[in-house]
Amino acid sequence: MSIGAISPSSASPPPAREKQPAQVPSSITPAGPASASTASSPNTNFSGSDTATNLTPEALALVSQLKARDTEVRQHEQAHLATAGGLATSGASYTYQRGPNGVDYAIGGEVHIDTSPGRTPQEAIERARTIQAAALAPADPSGADRAVAAQAAQLELQARAELATQQVEQATSKVQRTYGQEPLVPPKLDIYA
């Protein structure tokens, strides 16, 4: 299950070179091995420190957009994980985009879920329901999420058909054991989906 990313075409373009913020003079920056200039080390907090004040309005708008996307992506993937339970084969993995402030923001993500059928039709039905619930757990499921949910629904239908066939076979064998012969009219089972 994955969620889309902010593409460079949908986000505002990075600021042009002539609009770069002025660098902090080296006389103001503390000296020593523990310090670094704001130009060489990225800002790793989301609070908008000194580096954020040096960004152009376009860059600040992009950072704001990336922060919102990061929050949305992380909530989306956590919804998948919370609902998938034991079927999640790993934690969420993210695709990142570096903002103009030097911070990496999640712009896409996915959660791997075991979609193999169960050993019995009943187990396959239960797994299919869990997969469907996990795929549709986020408030705004993506197209890929909906496709996984549709595949899970198909898996559930196949398992239900297999379960119905097994039940018919069991009923037929019970009649044969009881009466010692084939029934005159075979049992009929209509399945409507």
Protein backbone atom coordinates (compact mmCIF):
# COMPACT_ATOMS: atom_id res chain seq x y z
CA MET A 1 0.00 0.00 0.00
CA SER A 2 1.43 3.23 -0.96
CA ILE A 3 0.64 6.86 -1.17
CA GLY A 4 1.65 9.33 -3.86
CA ALA A 5 4.39 11.89 -3.67
CA ILE A 6 4.67 15.59 -4.18
CA SER A 7 6.18 15.87 -7.60
CA PRO A 8 8.36 18.79 -8.55
CA SER A 9 5.64 19.86 -10.98
CA SER A 10 2.96 20.01 -8.27
CA ALA A 11 5.17 21.78 -5.75
CA SER A 12 6.42 25.28 -6.17
CA PRO A 13 9.81 25.32 -7.91
CA PRO A 14 12.92 25.71 -5.82
CA PRO A 15 14.03 29.31 -5.48
CA ALA A 16 16.28 30.66 -8.21
CA ARG A 17 19.98 31.16 -7.47
CA GLU A 18 19.78 34.95 -7.42
CA LYS A 19 17.16 34.74 -4.64
CA GLN A 20 19.36 32.74 -2.24
CA PRO A 21 19.39 34.14 1.30
CA ALA A 22 22.44 35.92 2.57
CA GLN A 23 24.93 33.76 4.45
CA VAL A 24 25.64 34.38 8.10
CA PRO A 25 29.02 36.11 8.42
CA SER A 26 31.69 33.90 9.92
CA SER A 27 32.32 36.46 12.66
CA ILE A 28 28.82 35.80 14.04
CA THR A 29 29.02 31.99 13.83
CA PRO A 30 30.72 30.44 16.87
CA ALA A 31 34.06 28.84 16.09
CA GLY A 32 35.23 25.38 17.10
CA PRO A 33 34.74 21.75 16.10
CA ALA A 34 31.23 21.55 17.60
CA SER A 35 29.81 24.36 15.48
CA ALA A 36 29.04 24.55 11.79
CA SER A 37 27.69 27.24 9.55
CA THR A 38 24.06 27.16 8.51
CA ALA A 39 25.15 26.76 4.90
CA SER A 40 26.96 23.46 5.49
CA SER A 41 24.65 21.71 7.97
CA PRO A 42 20.96 21.16 7.32
CA ASN A 43 18.32 22.22 9.77
CA THR A 44 16.87 19.05 11.25
CA ASN A 45 14.03 20.45 13.32
CA PHE A 46 10.55 21.38 12.16
CA SER A 47 10.18 24.43 14.38
CA GLY A 48 11.52 26.95 11.89
CA SER A 49 14.78 28.11 13.41
CA ASP A 50 17.28 30.65 12.07
CA THR A 51 17.69 28.77 8.77
CA ALA A 52 13.97 29.06 8.02
CA THR A 53 14.13 32.83 8.39
CA ASN A 54 16.81 32.93 5.67
CA LEU A 55 14.56 31.18 3.12
CA THR A 56 12.66 32.97 0.38
CA PRO A 57 8.85 33.09 0.56
CA GLU A 58 8.66 30.45 -2.21
CA ALA A 59 11.00 28.15 -0.27
CA LEU A 60 9.00 28.67 2.94
CA ALA A 61 5.81 27.78 1.06
CA LEU A 62 7.45 24.59 -0.24
CA VAL A 63 8.65 23.69 3.28
CA SER A 64 5.13 24.21 4.60
CA GLN A 65 3.72 22.01 1.83
CA LEU A 66 6.32 19.31 2.49
CA LYS A 67 5.59 19.37 6.25
CA ALA A 68 1.87 18.89 5.59
CA ARG A 69 2.59 16.05 3.15
CA ASP A 70 4.96 14.39 5.64
CA THR A 71 2.26 14.41 8.31
CA GLU A 72 -0.36 13.07 5.89
CA VAL A 73 1.90 10.25 4.66
CA ARG A 74 2.91 9.15 8.14
CA GLN A 75 -0.71 9.10 9.38
CA HIS A 76 -1.77 7.18 6.27
CA GLU A 77 0.84 4.45 6.74
CA GLN A 78 0.21 4.21 10.49
CA ALA A 79 -3.48 3.57 9.75
CA HIS A 80 -2.46 0.64 7.53
CA LEU A 81 -0.14 -0.75 10.22
CA ALA A 82 -2.66 -0.41 13.03
CA THR A 83 -5.33 -2.34 11.12
CA ALA A 84 -3.11 -4.97 9.47
CA GLY A 85 -2.13 -6.55 12.78
CA GLY A 86 -0.13 -9.75 12.32
CA LEU A 87 -0.38 -9.61 8.53
CA ALA A 88 2.03 -6.66 8.30
CA THR A 89 5.40 -8.12 7.33
CA SER A 90 7.35 -4.95 8.15
CA GLY A 91 6.99 -1.45 9.41
CA ALA A 92 6.23 1.45 7.11
CA SER A 93 8.90 2.45 4.62
CA TYR A 94 9.01 5.97 3.26
CA THR A 95 10.22 7.86 0.23
CA TYR A 96 11.78 11.19 1.13
CA GLN A 97 12.29 14.57 -0.51
CA ARG A 98 14.80 17.06 0.83
CA GLY A 99 13.31 20.48 1.44
CA PRO A 100 15.09 23.76 0.79
CA ASN A 101 15.83 23.92 4.52
CA GLY A 102 17.86 20.68 4.31
CA VAL A 103 15.29 18.49 6.10
CA ASP A 104 14.06 15.22 4.54
CA TYR A 105 10.27 14.97 4.40
CA ALA A 106 8.25 11.79 3.74
CA ILE A 107 6.36 12.22 0.47
CA GLY A 108 5.34 8.60 -0.10
CA GLY A 109 5.22 5.36 1.81
CA GLU A 110 4.16 1.75 1.88
CA VAL A 111 3.42 -1.06 4.29
CA HIS A 112 4.04 -4.64 3.17
CA ILE A 113 1.22 -7.03 4.06
CA ASP A 114 1.16 -10.81 3.66
CA THR A 115 -1.61 -11.42 1.11
CA SER A 116 -1.21 -15.19 0.84
CA PRO A 117 -4.42 -17.22 1.29
CA GLY A 118 -4.93 -19.21 4.45
CA ARG A 119 -4.65 -22.97 4.79
CA THR A 120 -8.42 -23.37 4.98
CA PRO A 121 -11.23 -21.46 3.28
CA GLN A 122 -12.33 -20.03 6.64
CA GLU A 123 -8.82 -18.77 7.37
CA ALA A 124 -8.63 -17.29 3.85
CA ILE A 125 -11.90 -15.42 4.48
CA GLU A 126 -10.60 -13.99 7.76
CA ARG A 127 -7.28 -12.96 6.16
CA ALA A 128 -9.09 -11.35 3.22
CA ARG A 129 -11.26 -9.31 5.58
CA THR A 130 -8.20 -8.11 7.51
CA ILE A 131 -6.37 -7.20 4.29
CA GLN A 132 -9.42 -5.29 3.08
CA ALA A 133 -9.74 -3.41 6.37
CA ALA A 134 -6.02 -2.55 6.38
CA ALA A 135 -6.13 -1.32 2.78
CA LEU A 136 -9.12 0.93 3.43
CA ALA A 137 -8.05 2.07 6.93
CA PRO A 138 -6.72 5.53 6.01
CA ALA A 139 -9.19 8.38 5.76
CA ASP A 140 -8.34 8.83 2.06
CA PRO A 141 -7.23 5.47 0.55
CA SER A 142 -5.06 5.74 -2.56
CA GLY A 143 -5.76 3.98 -5.85
CA ALA A 144 -3.24 1.29 -4.91
CA ASP A 145 -5.00 0.82 -1.57
CA ARG A 146 -8.33 0.36 -3.34
CA ALA A 147 -6.77 -2.15 -5.74
CA VAL A 148 -5.45 -4.21 -2.81
CA ALA A 149 -8.90 -4.08 -1.18
CA ALA A 150 -10.49 -5.30 -4.44
CA GLN A 151 -8.01 -8.19 -4.65
CA ALA A 152 -8.80 -9.10 -1.05
CA ALA A 153 -12.54 -9.05 -1.83
CA GLN A 154 -11.87 -11.41 -4.76
CA LEU A 155 -9.86 -13.70 -2.47
CA GLU A 156 -12.77 -13.73 -0.02
CA LEU A 157 -15.26 -14.65 -2.77
CA GLN A 158 -13.05 -17.51 -3.95
CA ALA A 159 -12.68 -18.80 -0.39
CA ARG A 160 -16.44 -18.60 0.15
CA ALA A 161 -17.05 -20.59 -3.05
CA GLU A 162 -14.52 -23.21 -1.94
CA LEU A 163 -16.16 -23.38 1.49
CA ALA A 164 -19.60 -23.83 -0.11
CA THR A 165 -18.25 -26.63 -2.33
CA GLN A 166 -16.79 -28.37 0.71
CA GLN A 167 -20.12 -28.06 2.54
CA VAL A 168 -22.00 -29.58 -0.42
CA GLU A 169 -19.52 -32.47 -0.58
CA GLN A 170 -19.89 -33.06 3.16
CA ALA A 171 -23.68 -33.04 2.90
CA THR A 172 -23.59 -35.47 -0.03
CA SER A 173 -21.26 -37.86 1.78
CA LYS A 174 -23.47 -37.69 4.88
CA VAL A 175 -26.54 -38.63 2.81
CA GLN A 176 -24.62 -41.49 1.21
CA ARG A 177 -23.52 -42.81 4.61
CA THR A 178 -27.02 -42.46 6.02
CA TYR A 179 -28.95 -44.05 3.15
CA GLY A 180 -26.21 -46.10 1.55
CA GLN A 181 -26.85 -44.66 -1.90
CA GLU A 182 -26.64 -41.52 -3.99
CA PRO A 183 -29.44 -39.05 -3.40
CA LEU A 184 -32.03 -38.95 -6.20
CA VAL A 185 -31.63 -35.23 -6.59
CA PRO A 186 -28.20 -33.76 -5.85
CA PRO A 187 -28.22 -30.99 -3.27
CA LYS A 188 -28.34 -27.53 -4.79
CA LEU A 189 -26.63 -24.51 -3.38
CA ASP A 190 -27.12 -21.09 -4.89
CA ILE A 191 -24.48 -18.49 -4.14
CA TYR A 192 -25.17 -14.85 -4.86
CA ALA A 193 -22.54 -12.20 -4.45
